[in-house]
Amino acid sequence: MKFIITESQHKLISELERTWRDSEYTDQYERLKPKMIRYFENLVDSHSENDVRLNLFDSDQNAVMVYNKPSGDLYYNRNFDDIYGTVFPHPIWLVHGKFIMSDVFNEFFPDYEVKSVRSITLS
């Protein structure tokens, strides 16, 4: 079943999701954010763009992130969940991973609005 919601409702839900699930960690992210953003920015080496998608790649031309322009959805490589979920102290990646990826994308492309973030297998 799908629900149709307005953009303002989506924004409210997104804000509620952040405060409801991990409000105790928001200060933690603000402290870590500058270092995390810099680290993940360095993973991105190039990008390609067409009418529908914006793809960000690492130096080996592996997809790091894919942004779907019509929907505003940002997808990042699921391998990051496996790697950074174990490398970073718990629960940093689990709680902040999608916000990190969204902020990194916005550093490169501030004109695009990210409406949702998910990890998927990118090939």
PDB file of N, CA and C in Angstrom:
ATOM      1  N   MET A   1       0.838  -1.158   0.000  1.00  0.00           N
ATOM      2  CA  MET A   1       0.000   0.000   0.000  1.00  0.00           C
ATOM      3  C   MET A   1       0.895   1.236   0.000  1.00  0.00           C
ATOM      4  N   LYS A   2       0.551   2.212  -0.851  1.00  0.00           N
ATOM      5  CA  LYS A   2       1.290   3.456  -0.912  1.00  0.00           C
ATOM      6  C   LYS A   2       0.404   4.580  -0.411  1.00  0.00           C
ATOM      7  N   PHE A   3       1.043   5.537   0.252  1.00  0.00           N
ATOM      8  CA  PHE A   3       0.346   6.711   0.723  1.00  0.00           C
ATOM      9  C   PHE A   3       0.886   7.921  -0.028  1.00  0.00           C
ATOM     10  N   ILE A   4       0.023   8.808  -0.401  1.00  0.00           N
ATOM     11  CA  ILE A   4       0.428  10.046  -1.053  1.00  0.00           C
ATOM     12  C   ILE A   4       0.438  11.124   0.013  1.00  0.00           C
ATOM     13  N   ILE A   5       1.599  11.780   0.159  1.00  0.00           N
ATOM     14  CA  ILE A   5       1.722  12.844   1.146  1.00  0.00           C
ATOM     15  C   ILE A   5       2.285  14.088   0.480  1.00  0.00           C
ATOM     16  N   THR A   6       2.039  15.219   1.088  1.00  0.00           N
ATOM     17  CA  THR A   6       2.568  16.473   0.569  1.00  0.00           C
ATOM     18  C   THR A   6       4.025  16.623   0.974  1.00  0.00           C
ATOM     19  N   GLU A   7       4.699  17.561   0.340  1.00  0.00           N
ATOM     20  CA  GLU A   7       6.105  17.805   0.654  1.00  0.00           C
ATOM     21  C   GLU A   7       6.265  18.277   2.102  1.00  0.00           C
ATOM     22  N   SER A   8       5.340  19.095   2.587  1.00  0.00           N
ATOM     23  CA  SER A   8       5.433  19.560   3.974  1.00  0.00           C
ATOM     24  C   SER A   8       5.231  18.409   4.952  1.00  0.00           C
ATOM     25  N   GLN A   9       4.356  17.461   4.613  1.00  0.00           N
ATOM     26  CA  GLN A   9       4.172  16.290   5.457  1.00  0.00           C
ATOM     27  C   GLN A   9       5.445  15.435   5.471  1.00  0.00           C
ATOM     28  N   HIS A  10       6.067  15.302   4.286  1.00  0.00           N
ATOM     29  CA  HIS A  10       7.313  14.527   4.194  1.00  0.00           C
ATOM     30  C   HIS A  10       8.392  15.154   5.068  1.00  0.00           C
ATOM     31  N   LYS A  11       8.490  16.485   5.024  1.00  0.00           N
ATOM     32  CA  LYS A  11       9.484  17.178   5.838  1.00  0.00           C
ATOM     33  C   LYS A  11       9.216  16.945   7.325  1.00  0.00           C
ATOM     34  N   LEU A  12       7.967  17.027   7.727  1.00  0.00           N
ATOM     35  CA  LEU A  12       7.609  16.802   9.125  1.00  0.00           C
ATOM     36  C   LEU A  12       7.953  15.374   9.549  1.00  0.00           C
ATOM     37  N   ILE A  13       7.638  14.394   8.709  1.00  0.00           N
ATOM     38  CA  ILE A  13       7.956  13.005   9.015  1.00  0.00           C
ATOM     39  C   ILE A  13       9.457  12.820   9.152  1.00  0.00           C
ATOM     40  N   SER A  14      10.231  13.434   8.256  1.00  0.00           N
ATOM     41  CA  SER A  14      11.692  13.328   8.318  1.00  0.00           C
ATOM     42  C   SER A  14      12.228  13.905   9.623  1.00  0.00           C
ATOM     43  N   GLU A  15      11.690  15.055  10.028  1.00  0.00           N
ATOM     44  CA  GLU A  15      12.126  15.664  11.279  1.00  0.00           C
ATOM     45  C   GLU A  15      11.747  14.784  12.465  1.00  0.00           C
ATOM     46  N   LEU A  16      10.550  14.232  12.438  1.00  0.00           N
ATOM     47  CA  LEU A  16      10.111  13.358  13.518  1.00  0.00           C
ATOM     48  C   LEU A  16      10.977  12.112  13.587  1.00  0.00           C
ATOM     49  N   GLU A  17      11.329  11.565  12.411  1.00  0.00           N
ATOM     50  CA  GLU A  17      12.155  10.367  12.395  1.00  0.00           C
ATOM     51  C   GLU A  17      13.489  10.638  13.074  1.00  0.00           C
ATOM     52  N   ARG A  18      14.086  11.770  12.805  1.00  0.00           N
ATOM     53  CA  ARG A  18      15.376  12.091  13.413  1.00  0.00           C
ATOM     54  C   ARG A  18      15.224  12.250  14.923  1.00  0.00           C
ATOM     55  N   THR A  19      14.245  12.983  15.359  1.00  0.00           N
ATOM     56  CA  THR A  19      14.136  13.234  16.793  1.00  0.00           C
ATOM     57  C   THR A  19      13.604  12.037  17.558  1.00  0.00           C
ATOM     58  N   TRP A  20      12.746  11.274  16.947  1.00  0.00           N
ATOM     59  CA  TRP A  20      12.164  10.145  17.659  1.00  0.00           C
ATOM     60  C   TRP A  20      13.167   9.011  17.816  1.00  0.00           C
ATOM     61  N   ARG A  21      13.881   8.668  16.785  1.00  0.00           N
ATOM     62  CA  ARG A  21      14.747   7.499  16.824  1.00  0.00           C
ATOM     63  C   ARG A  21      16.110   7.749  17.441  1.00  0.00           C
ATOM     64  N   ASP A  22      16.630   8.925  17.255  1.00  0.00           N
ATOM     65  CA  ASP A  22      18.012   9.123  17.689  1.00  0.00           C
ATOM     66  C   ASP A  22      18.278  10.511  18.253  1.00  0.00           C
ATOM     67  N   SER A  23      17.307  11.076  18.929  1.00  0.00           N
ATOM     68  CA  SER A  23      17.469  12.427  19.455  1.00  0.00           C
ATOM     69  C   SER A  23      18.651  12.528  20.411  1.00  0.00           C
ATOM     70  N   GLU A  24      18.930  11.464  21.119  1.00  0.00           N
ATOM     71  CA  GLU A  24      20.048  11.511  22.065  1.00  0.00           C
ATOM     72  C   GLU A  24      21.403  11.586  21.362  1.00  0.00           C
ATOM     73  N   TYR A  25      21.443  11.327  20.041  1.00  0.00           N
ATOM     74  CA  TYR A  25      22.701  11.317  19.306  1.00  0.00           C
ATOM     75  C   TYR A  25      22.909  12.545  18.417  1.00  0.00           C
ATOM     76  N   THR A  26      21.955  13.483  18.384  1.00  0.00           N
ATOM     77  CA  THR A  26      22.089  14.622  17.483  1.00  0.00           C
ATOM     78  C   THR A  26      23.305  15.474  17.815  1.00  0.00           C
ATOM     79  N   ASP A  27      23.606  15.679  19.080  1.00  0.00           N
ATOM     80  CA  ASP A  27      24.803  16.451  19.448  1.00  0.00           C
ATOM     81  C   ASP A  27      26.063  15.722  19.013  1.00  0.00           C
ATOM     82  N   GLN A  28      26.044  14.417  19.107  1.00  0.00           N
ATOM     83  CA  GLN A  28      27.188  13.609  18.680  1.00  0.00           C
ATOM     84  C   GLN A  28      27.469  13.844  17.201  1.00  0.00           C
ATOM     85  N   TYR A  29      26.435  13.858  16.375  1.00  0.00           N
ATOM     86  CA  TYR A  29      26.637  14.051  14.945  1.00  0.00           C
ATOM     87  C   TYR A  29      27.181  15.440  14.642  1.00  0.00           C
ATOM     88  N   GLU A  30      26.696  16.438  15.322  1.00  0.00           N
ATOM     89  CA  GLU A  30      27.192  17.799  15.088  1.00  0.00           C
ATOM     90  C   GLU A  30      28.681  17.906  15.403  1.00  0.00           C
ATOM     91  N   ARG A  31      29.144  17.183  16.414  1.00  0.00           N
ATOM     92  CA  ARG A  31      30.571  17.189  16.747  1.00  0.00           C
ATOM     93  C   ARG A  31      31.392  16.431  15.701  1.00  0.00           C
ATOM     94  N   LEU A  32      30.854  15.339  15.200  1.00  0.00           N
ATOM     95  CA  LEU A  32      31.569  14.487  14.248  1.00  0.00           C
ATOM     96  C   LEU A  32      31.446  14.956  12.800  1.00  0.00           C
ATOM     97  N   LYS A  33      30.413  15.695  12.513  1.00  0.00           N
ATOM     98  CA  LYS A  33      30.061  16.054  11.143  1.00  0.00           C
ATOM     99  C   LYS A  33      31.220  16.613  10.312  1.00  0.00           C
ATOM    100  N   PRO A  34      31.968  17.605  10.755  1.00  0.00           N
ATOM    101  CA  PRO A  34      33.034  18.151   9.903  1.00  0.00           C
ATOM    102  C   PRO A  34      34.062  17.096   9.467  1.00  0.00           C
ATOM    103  N   LYS A  35      34.476  16.240  10.389  1.00  0.00           N
ATOM    104  CA  LYS A  35      35.462  15.218  10.051  1.00  0.00           C
ATOM    105  C   LYS A  35      34.871  14.142   9.153  1.00  0.00           C
ATOM    106  N   MET A  36      33.646  13.750   9.449  1.00  0.00           N
ATOM    107  CA  MET A  36      32.994  12.707   8.655  1.00  0.00           C
ATOM    108  C   MET A  36      32.768  13.186   7.221  1.00  0.00           C
ATOM    109  N   ILE A  37      32.301  14.399   7.071  1.00  0.00           N
ATOM    110  CA  ILE A  37      32.037  14.944   5.739  1.00  0.00           C
ATOM    111  C   ILE A  37      33.332  14.984   4.935  1.00  0.00           C
ATOM    112  N   ARG A  38      34.395  15.475   5.530  1.00  0.00           N
ATOM    113  CA  ARG A  38      35.687  15.533   4.833  1.00  0.00           C
ATOM    114  C   ARG A  38      36.160  14.151   4.398  1.00  0.00           C
ATOM    115  N   TYR A  39      36.026  13.182   5.293  1.00  0.00           N
ATOM    116  CA  TYR A  39      36.453  11.818   4.988  1.00  0.00           C
ATOM    117  C   TYR A  39      35.688  11.264   3.785  1.00  0.00           C
ATOM    118  N   PHE A  40      34.369  11.370   3.805  1.00  0.00           N
ATOM    119  CA  PHE A  40      33.564  10.795   2.729  1.00  0.00           C
ATOM    120  C   PHE A  40      33.635  11.610   1.443  1.00  0.00           C
ATOM    121  N   GLU A  41      33.901  12.900   1.546  1.00  0.00           N
ATOM    122  CA  GLU A  41      34.127  13.698   0.332  1.00  0.00           C
ATOM    123  C   GLU A  41      35.339  13.180  -0.420  1.00  0.00           C
ATOM    124  N   ASN A  42      36.355  12.759   0.315  1.00  0.00           N
ATOM    125  CA  ASN A  42      37.568  12.254  -0.320  1.00  0.00           C
ATOM    126  C   ASN A  42      37.360  10.926  -1.030  1.00  0.00           C
ATOM    127  N   LEU A  43      36.286  10.216  -0.722  1.00  0.00           N
ATOM    128  CA  LEU A  43      35.985   8.970  -1.425  1.00  0.00           C
ATOM    129  C   LEU A  43      35.464   9.225  -2.835  1.00  0.00           C
ATOM    130  N   VAL A  44      34.883  10.388  -3.050  1.00  0.00           N
ATOM    131  CA  VAL A  44      34.295  10.715  -4.350  1.00  0.00           C
ATOM    132  C   VAL A  44      35.364  11.321  -5.239  1.00  0.00           C
ATOM    133  N   ASP A  45      35.543  10.687  -6.410  1.00  0.00           N
ATOM    134  CA  ASP A  45      36.587  11.126  -7.332  1.00  0.00           C
ATOM    135  C   ASP A  45      36.010  11.769  -8.594  1.00  0.00           C
ATOM    136  N   SER A  46      34.838  11.313  -9.025  1.00  0.00           N
ATOM    137  CA  SER A  46      34.236  11.848 -10.245  1.00  0.00           C
ATOM    138  C   SER A  46      32.720  11.670 -10.193  1.00  0.00           C
ATOM    139  N   HIS A  47      32.058  12.259 -11.185  1.00  0.00           N
ATOM    140  CA  HIS A  47      30.609  12.100 -11.271  1.00  0.00           C
ATOM    141  C   HIS A  47      30.161  12.147 -12.723  1.00  0.00           C
ATOM    142  N   SER A  48      28.967  11.640 -12.963  1.00  0.00           N
ATOM    143  CA  SER A  48      28.340  11.740 -14.280  1.00  0.00           C
ATOM    144  C   SER A  48      26.888  12.143 -14.045  1.00  0.00           C
ATOM    145  N   GLU A  49      26.322  12.778 -15.054  1.00  0.00           N
ATOM    146  CA  GLU A  49      24.973  13.311 -14.878  1.00  0.00           C
ATOM    147  C   GLU A  49      24.193  13.180 -16.170  1.00  0.00           C
ATOM    148  N   ASN A  50      22.913  12.850 -16.053  1.00  0.00           N
ATOM    149  CA  ASN A  50      21.995  12.899 -17.182  1.00  0.00           C
ATOM    150  C   ASN A  50      20.697  13.525 -16.694  1.00  0.00           C
ATOM    151  N   ASP A  51      19.637  13.424 -17.490  1.00  0.00           N
ATOM    152  CA  ASP A  51      18.372  14.071 -17.118  1.00  0.00           C
ATOM    153  C   ASP A  51      17.718  13.465 -15.890  1.00  0.00           C
ATOM    154  N   VAL A  52      18.019  12.206 -15.597  1.00  0.00           N
ATOM    155  CA  VAL A  52      17.335  11.492 -14.532  1.00  0.00           C
ATOM    156  C   VAL A  52      18.207  11.246 -13.317  1.00  0.00           C
ATOM    157  N   ARG A  53      19.501  11.006 -13.544  1.00  0.00           N
ATOM    158  CA  ARG A  53      20.377  10.590 -12.447  1.00  0.00           C
ATOM    159  C   ARG A  53      21.652  11.407 -12.377  1.00  0.00           C
ATOM    160  N   LEU A  54      22.192  11.390 -11.170  1.00  0.00           N
ATOM    161  CA  LEU A  54      23.494  11.962 -10.896  1.00  0.00           C
ATOM    162  C   LEU A  54      24.274  10.880 -10.163  1.00  0.00           C
ATOM    163  N   ASN A  55      25.376  10.426 -10.752  1.00  0.00           N
ATOM    164  CA  ASN A  55      26.165   9.324 -10.202  1.00  0.00           C
ATOM    165  C   ASN A  55      27.494   9.845  -9.687  1.00  0.00           C
ATOM    166  N   LEU A  56      27.888   9.427  -8.496  1.00  0.00           N
ATOM    167  CA  LEU A  56      29.182   9.780  -7.933  1.00  0.00           C
ATOM    168  C   LEU A  56      30.016   8.516  -7.823  1.00  0.00           C
ATOM    169  N   PHE A  57      31.293   8.600  -8.250  1.00  0.00           N
ATOM    170  CA  PHE A  57      32.165   7.437  -8.321  1.00  0.00           C
ATOM    171  C   PHE A  57      33.429   7.640  -7.500  1.00  0.00           C
ATOM    172  N   ASP A  58      34.030   6.522  -7.073  1.00  0.00           N
ATOM    173  CA  ASP A  58      35.332   6.582  -6.423  1.00  0.00           C
ATOM    174  C   ASP A  58      36.419   6.520  -7.492  1.00  0.00           C
ATOM    175  N   SER A  59      37.674   6.449  -7.097  1.00  0.00           N
ATOM    176  CA  SER A  59      38.781   6.459  -8.042  1.00  0.00           C
ATOM    177  C   SER A  59      38.831   5.215  -8.924  1.00  0.00           C
ATOM    178  N   ASP A  60      38.192   4.120  -8.503  1.00  0.00           N
ATOM    179  CA  ASP A  60      38.130   2.896  -9.305  1.00  0.00           C
ATOM    180  C   ASP A  60      36.875   2.841 -10.176  1.00  0.00           C
ATOM    181  N   GLN A  61      36.166   3.948 -10.256  1.00  0.00           N
ATOM    182  CA  GLN A  61      34.916   4.067 -11.006  1.00  0.00           C
ATOM    183  C   GLN A  61      33.789   3.182 -10.469  1.00  0.00           C
ATOM    184  N   ASN A  62      33.848   2.867  -9.186  1.00  0.00           N
ATOM    185  CA  ASN A  62      32.752   2.175  -8.515  1.00  0.00           C
ATOM    186  C   ASN A  62      31.768   3.227  -8.019  1.00  0.00           C
ATOM    187  N   ALA A  63      30.481   2.945  -8.151  1.00  0.00           N
ATOM    188  CA  ALA A  63      29.461   3.901  -7.718  1.00  0.00           C
ATOM    189  C   ALA A  63      29.491   4.050  -6.204  1.00  0.00           C
ATOM    190  N   VAL A  64      29.543   5.281  -5.751  1.00  0.00           N
ATOM    191  CA  VAL A  64      29.484   5.598  -4.330  1.00  0.00           C
ATOM    192  C   VAL A  64      28.062   6.010  -3.966  1.00  0.00           C
ATOM    193  N   MET A  65      27.472   6.886  -4.799  1.00  0.00           N
ATOM    194  CA  MET A  65      26.115   7.371  -4.583  1.00  0.00           C
ATOM    195  C   MET A  65      25.422   7.570  -5.923  1.00  0.00           C
ATOM    196  N   VAL A  66      24.112   7.431  -5.904  1.00  0.00           N
ATOM    197  CA  VAL A  66      23.275   7.714  -7.070  1.00  0.00           C
ATOM    198  C   VAL A  66      22.114   8.562  -6.589  1.00  0.00           C
ATOM    199  N   TYR A  67      21.909   9.689  -7.237  1.00  0.00           N
ATOM    200  CA  TYR A  67      20.800  10.587  -6.901  1.00  0.00           C
ATOM    201  C   TYR A  67      19.781  10.535  -8.024  1.00  0.00           C
ATOM    202  N   ASN A  68      18.539  10.251  -7.694  1.00  0.00           N
ATOM    203  CA  ASN A  68      17.448  10.214  -8.651  1.00  0.00           C
ATOM    204  C   ASN A  68      16.799  11.598  -8.658  1.00  0.00           C
ATOM    205  N   LYS A  69      16.963  12.338  -9.744  1.00  0.00           N
ATOM    206  CA  LYS A  69      16.489  13.723  -9.795  1.00  0.00           C
ATOM    207  C   LYS A  69      14.973  13.869  -9.638  1.00  0.00           C
ATOM    208  N   PRO A  70      14.160  13.080 -10.351  1.00  0.00           N
ATOM    209  CA  PRO A  70      12.716  13.301 -10.216  1.00  0.00           C
ATOM    210  C   PRO A  70      12.179  13.082  -8.802  1.00  0.00           C
ATOM    211  N   SER A  71      12.681  12.087  -8.105  1.00  0.00           N
ATOM    212  CA  SER A  71      12.132  11.765  -6.786  1.00  0.00           C
ATOM    213  C   SER A  71      12.881  12.421  -5.629  1.00  0.00           C
ATOM    214  N   GLY A  72      14.142  12.804  -5.859  1.00  0.00           N
ATOM    215  CA  GLY A  72      14.945  13.358  -4.775  1.00  0.00           C
ATOM    216  C   GLY A  72      15.545  12.292  -3.879  1.00  0.00           C
ATOM    217  N   ASP A  73      15.511  11.024  -4.326  1.00  0.00           N
ATOM    218  CA  ASP A  73      16.063   9.919  -3.544  1.00  0.00           C
ATOM    219  C   ASP A  73      17.565   9.802  -3.772  1.00  0.00           C
ATOM    220  N   LEU A  74      18.284   9.604  -2.692  1.00  0.00           N
ATOM    221  CA  LEU A  74      19.727   9.393  -2.755  1.00  0.00           C
ATOM    222  C   LEU A  74      20.001   7.973  -2.289  1.00  0.00           C
ATOM    223  N   TYR A  75      20.749   7.239  -3.101  1.00  0.00           N
ATOM    224  CA  TYR A  75      21.122   5.874  -2.763  1.00  0.00           C
ATOM    225  C   TYR A  75      22.634   5.812  -2.617  1.00  0.00           C
ATOM    226  N   TYR A  76      23.102   5.149  -1.579  1.00  0.00           N
ATOM    227  CA  TYR A  76      24.540   4.976  -1.418  1.00  0.00           C
ATOM    228  C   TYR A  76      24.867   3.499  -1.372  1.00  0.00           C
ATOM    229  N   ASN A  77      26.125   3.189  -1.613  1.00  0.00           N
ATOM    230  CA  ASN A  77      26.572   1.816  -1.735  1.00  0.00           C
ATOM    231  C   ASN A  77      26.393   1.051  -0.425  1.00  0.00           C
ATOM    232  N   ARG A  78      25.683  -0.054  -0.493  1.00  0.00           N
ATOM    233  CA  ARG A  78      25.412  -0.873   0.682  1.00  0.00           C
ATOM    234  C   ARG A  78      26.696  -1.389   1.337  1.00  0.00           C
ATOM    235  N   ASN A  79      27.778  -1.494   0.586  1.00  0.00           N
ATOM    236  CA  ASN A  79      29.050  -1.920   1.168  1.00  0.00           C
ATOM    237  C   ASN A  79      29.477  -1.009   2.311  1.00  0.00           C
ATOM    238  N   PHE A  80      29.058   0.254   2.259  1.00  0.00           N
ATOM    239  CA  PHE A  80      29.399   1.177   3.337  1.00  0.00           C
ATOM    240  C   PHE A  80      28.804   0.723   4.659  1.00  0.00           C
ATOM    241  N   ASP A  81      27.599   0.162   4.608  1.00  0.00           N
ATOM    242  CA  ASP A  81      26.976  -0.338   5.839  1.00  0.00           C
ATOM    243  C   ASP A  81      27.830  -1.435   6.459  1.00  0.00           C
ATOM    244  N   ASP A  82      28.331  -2.328   5.602  1.00  0.00           N
ATOM    245  CA  ASP A  82      29.160  -3.431   6.095  1.00  0.00           C
ATOM    246  C   ASP A  82      30.495  -2.927   6.653  1.00  0.00           C
ATOM    247  N   ILE A  83      31.120  -2.029   5.914  1.00  0.00           N
ATOM    248  CA  ILE A  83      32.441  -1.532   6.311  1.00  0.00           C
ATOM    249  C   ILE A  83      32.355  -0.619   7.530  1.00  0.00           C
ATOM    250  N   TYR A  84      31.578   0.451   7.406  1.00  0.00           N
ATOM    251  CA  TYR A  84      31.575   1.480   8.442  1.00  0.00           C
ATOM    252  C   TYR A  84      30.725   1.101   9.651  1.00  0.00           C
ATOM    253  N   GLY A  85      29.832   0.153   9.479  1.00  0.00           N
ATOM    254  CA  GLY A  85      29.083  -0.349  10.619  1.00  0.00           C
ATOM    255  C   GLY A  85      29.971  -1.073  11.611  1.00  0.00           C
ATOM    256  N   THR A  86      31.081  -1.632  11.109  1.00  0.00           N
ATOM    257  CA  THR A  86      32.017  -2.332  11.999  1.00  0.00           C
ATOM    258  C   THR A  86      33.227  -1.478  12.358  1.00  0.00           C
ATOM    259  N   VAL A  87      33.628  -0.567  11.475  1.00  0.00           N
ATOM    260  CA  VAL A  87      34.812   0.257  11.726  1.00  0.00           C
ATOM    261  C   VAL A  87      34.543   1.348  12.758  1.00  0.00           C
ATOM    262  N   PHE A  88      33.416   2.041  12.609  1.00  0.00           N
ATOM    263  CA  PHE A  88      33.091   3.112  13.544  1.00  0.00           C
ATOM    264  C   PHE A  88      32.502   2.524  14.821  1.00  0.00           C
ATOM    265  N   PRO A  89      32.741   3.182  15.947  1.00  0.00           N
ATOM    266  CA  PRO A  89      32.130   2.711  17.195  1.00  0.00           C
ATOM    267  C   PRO A  89      30.608   2.726  17.071  1.00  0.00           C
ATOM    268  N   HIS A  90      30.002   1.717  17.653  1.00  0.00           N
ATOM    269  CA  HIS A  90      28.547   1.639  17.631  1.00  0.00           C
ATOM    270  C   HIS A  90      27.971   2.796  18.438  1.00  0.00           C
ATOM    271  N   PRO A  91      26.970   3.469  18.013  1.00  0.00           N
ATOM    272  CA  PRO A  91      26.099   3.309  16.858  1.00  0.00           C
ATOM    273  C   PRO A  91      26.311   4.392  15.806  1.00  0.00           C
ATOM    274  N   ILE A  92      27.518   4.908  15.664  1.00  0.00           N
ATOM    275  CA  ILE A  92      27.737   6.073  14.799  1.00  0.00           C
ATOM    276  C   ILE A  92      27.203   5.852  13.382  1.00  0.00           C
ATOM    277  N   TRP A  93      27.633   4.794  12.706  1.00  0.00           N
ATOM    278  CA  TRP A  93      27.166   4.601  11.326  1.00  0.00           C
ATOM    279  C   TRP A  93      25.685   4.234  11.282  1.00  0.00           C
ATOM    280  N   LEU A  94      25.271   3.391  12.177  1.00  0.00           N
ATOM    281  CA  LEU A  94      23.886   2.952  12.218  1.00  0.00           C
ATOM    282  C   LEU A  94      22.932   4.140  12.350  1.00  0.00           C
ATOM    283  N   VAL A  95      23.275   5.069  13.202  1.00  0.00           N
ATOM    284  CA  VAL A  95      22.404   6.215  13.476  1.00  0.00           C
ATOM    285  C   VAL A  95      22.607   7.339  12.462  1.00  0.00           C
ATOM    286  N   HIS A  96      23.851   7.626  12.095  1.00  0.00           N
ATOM    287  CA  HIS A  96      24.148   8.821  11.312  1.00  0.00           C
ATOM    288  C   HIS A  96      24.491   8.566   9.848  1.00  0.00           C
ATOM    289  N   GLY A  97      24.613   7.325   9.422  1.00  0.00           N
ATOM    290  CA  GLY A  97      25.065   7.021   8.063  1.00  0.00           C
ATOM    291  C   GLY A  97      24.305   7.733   6.972  1.00  0.00           C
ATOM    292  N   LYS A  98      22.989   7.695   7.031  1.00  0.00           N
ATOM    293  CA  LYS A  98      22.213   8.327   5.963  1.00  0.00           C
ATOM    294  C   LYS A  98      22.338   9.852   5.998  1.00  0.00           C
ATOM    295  N   PHE A  99      22.513  10.423   7.194  1.00  0.00           N
ATOM    296  CA  PHE A  99      22.688  11.865   7.281  1.00  0.00           C
ATOM    297  C   PHE A  99      24.069  12.280   6.763  1.00  0.00           C
ATOM    298  N   ILE A 100      25.058  11.438   7.019  1.00  0.00           N
ATOM    299  CA  ILE A 100      26.404  11.696   6.501  1.00  0.00           C
ATOM    300  C   ILE A 100      26.368  11.703   4.982  1.00  0.00           C
ATOM    301  N   MET A 101      25.758  10.673   4.393  1.00  0.00           N
ATOM    302  CA  MET A 101      25.719  10.570   2.933  1.00  0.00           C
ATOM    303  C   MET A 101      24.954  11.743   2.321  1.00  0.00           C
ATOM    304  N   SER A 102      23.852  12.131   2.937  1.00  0.00           N
ATOM    305  CA  SER A 102      23.079  13.268   2.451  1.00  0.00           C
ATOM    306  C   SER A 102      23.897  14.556   2.515  1.00  0.00           C
ATOM    307  N   ASP A 103      24.599  14.771   3.617  1.00  0.00           N
ATOM    308  CA  ASP A 103      25.418  15.975   3.770  1.00  0.00           C
ATOM    309  C   ASP A 103      26.589  15.990   2.795  1.00  0.00           C
ATOM    310  N   VAL A 104      27.186  14.837   2.551  1.00  0.00           N
ATOM    311  CA  VAL A 104      28.285  14.761   1.582  1.00  0.00           C
ATOM    312  C   VAL A 104      27.762  15.110   0.192  1.00  0.00           C
ATOM    313  N   PHE A 105      26.638  14.534  -0.182  1.00  0.00           N
ATOM    314  CA  PHE A 105      26.060  14.838  -1.489  1.00  0.00           C
ATOM    315  C   PHE A 105      25.782  16.337  -1.617  1.00  0.00           C
ATOM    316  N   ASN A 106      25.236  16.929  -0.562  1.00  0.00           N
ATOM    317  CA  ASN A 106      24.920  18.358  -0.602  1.00  0.00           C
ATOM    318  C   ASN A 106      26.161  19.243  -0.635  1.00  0.00           C
ATOM    319  N   GLU A 107      27.293  18.727  -0.176  1.00  0.00           N
ATOM    320  CA  GLU A 107      28.541  19.480  -0.312  1.00  0.00           C
ATOM    321  C   GLU A 107      28.920  19.617  -1.789  1.00  0.00           C
ATOM    322  N   PHE A 108      28.696  18.561  -2.562  1.00  0.00           N
ATOM    323  CA  PHE A 108      29.015  18.577  -3.988  1.00  0.00           C
ATOM    324  C   PHE A 108      27.931  19.251  -4.816  1.00  0.00           C
ATOM    325  N   PHE A 109      26.673  19.029  -4.449  1.00  0.00           N
ATOM    326  CA  PHE A 109      25.543  19.517  -5.247  1.00  0.00           C
ATOM    327  C   PHE A 109      24.506  20.184  -4.338  1.00  0.00           C
ATOM    328  N   PRO A 110      24.792  21.395  -3.891  1.00  0.00           N
ATOM    329  CA  PRO A 110      23.890  22.066  -2.949  1.00  0.00           C
ATOM    330  C   PRO A 110      22.535  22.453  -3.553  1.00  0.00           C
ATOM    331  N   ASP A 111      22.431  22.463  -4.883  1.00  0.00           N
ATOM    332  CA  ASP A 111      21.186  22.873  -5.523  1.00  0.00           C
ATOM    333  C   ASP A 111      20.129  21.769  -5.563  1.00  0.00           C
ATOM    334  N   TYR A 112      20.525  20.548  -5.247  1.00  0.00           N
ATOM    335  CA  TYR A 112      19.578  19.427  -5.265  1.00  0.00           C
ATOM    336  C   TYR A 112      19.103  19.129  -3.847  1.00  0.00           C
ATOM    337  N   GLU A 113      17.804  18.877  -3.724  1.00  0.00           N
ATOM    338  CA  GLU A 113      17.234  18.556  -2.416  1.00  0.00           C
ATOM    339  C   GLU A 113      17.134  17.042  -2.259  1.00  0.00           C
ATOM    340  N   VAL A 114      17.741  16.536  -1.207  1.00  0.00           N
ATOM    341  CA  VAL A 114      17.660  15.110  -0.898  1.00  0.00           C
ATOM    342  C   VAL A 114      16.436  14.888  -0.022  1.00  0.00           C
ATOM    343  N   LYS A 115      15.496  14.076  -0.520  1.00  0.00           N
ATOM    344  CA  LYS A 115      14.266  13.822   0.222  1.00  0.00           C
ATOM    345  C   LYS A 115      14.312  12.530   1.020  1.00  0.00           C
ATOM    346  N   SER A 116      15.082  11.562   0.545  1.00  0.00           N
ATOM    347  CA  SER A 116      15.244  10.318   1.296  1.00  0.00           C
ATOM    348  C   SER A 116      16.597   9.709   0.952  1.00  0.00           C
ATOM    349  N   VAL A 117      17.119   8.904   1.870  1.00  0.00           N
ATOM    350  CA  VAL A 117      18.425   8.285   1.692  1.00  0.00           C
ATOM    351  C   VAL A 117      18.312   6.810   2.058  1.00  0.00           C
ATOM    352  N   ARG A 118      18.838   5.959   1.193  1.00  0.00           N
ATOM    353  CA  ARG A 118      18.823   4.510   1.437  1.00  0.00           C
ATOM    354  C   ARG A 118      20.100   3.872   0.925  1.00  0.00           C
ATOM    355  N   SER A 119      20.478   2.774   1.550  1.00  0.00           N
ATOM    356  CA  SER A 119      21.616   2.020   1.034  1.00  0.00           C
ATOM    357  C   SER A 119      21.081   0.905   0.138  1.00  0.00           C
ATOM    358  N   ILE A 120      21.735   0.734  -1.010  1.00  0.00           N
ATOM    359  CA  ILE A 120      21.366  -0.329  -1.947  1.00  0.00           C
ATOM    360  C   ILE A 120      22.649  -0.898  -2.529  1.00  0.00           C
ATOM    361  N   THR A 121      22.533  -2.011  -3.186  1.00  0.00           N
ATOM    362  CA  THR A 121      23.683  -2.595  -3.876  1.00  0.00           C
ATOM    363  C   THR A 121      23.847  -1.875  -5.194  1.00  0.00           C
ATOM    364  N   LEU A 122      24.947  -1.159  -5.344  1.00  0.00           N
ATOM    365  CA  LEU A 122      25.237  -0.434  -6.580  1.00  0.00           C
ATOM    366  C   LEU A 122      26.271  -1.216  -7.369  1.00  0.00           C
ATOM    367  N   SER A 123      26.036  -1.345  -8.655  1.00  0.00           N
ATOM    368  CA  SER A 123      27.023  -2.050  -9.480  1.00  0.00           C
ATOM    369  C   SER A 123      27.465  -1.211 -10.647  1.00  0.00           C
TER     370      SER A 123
END
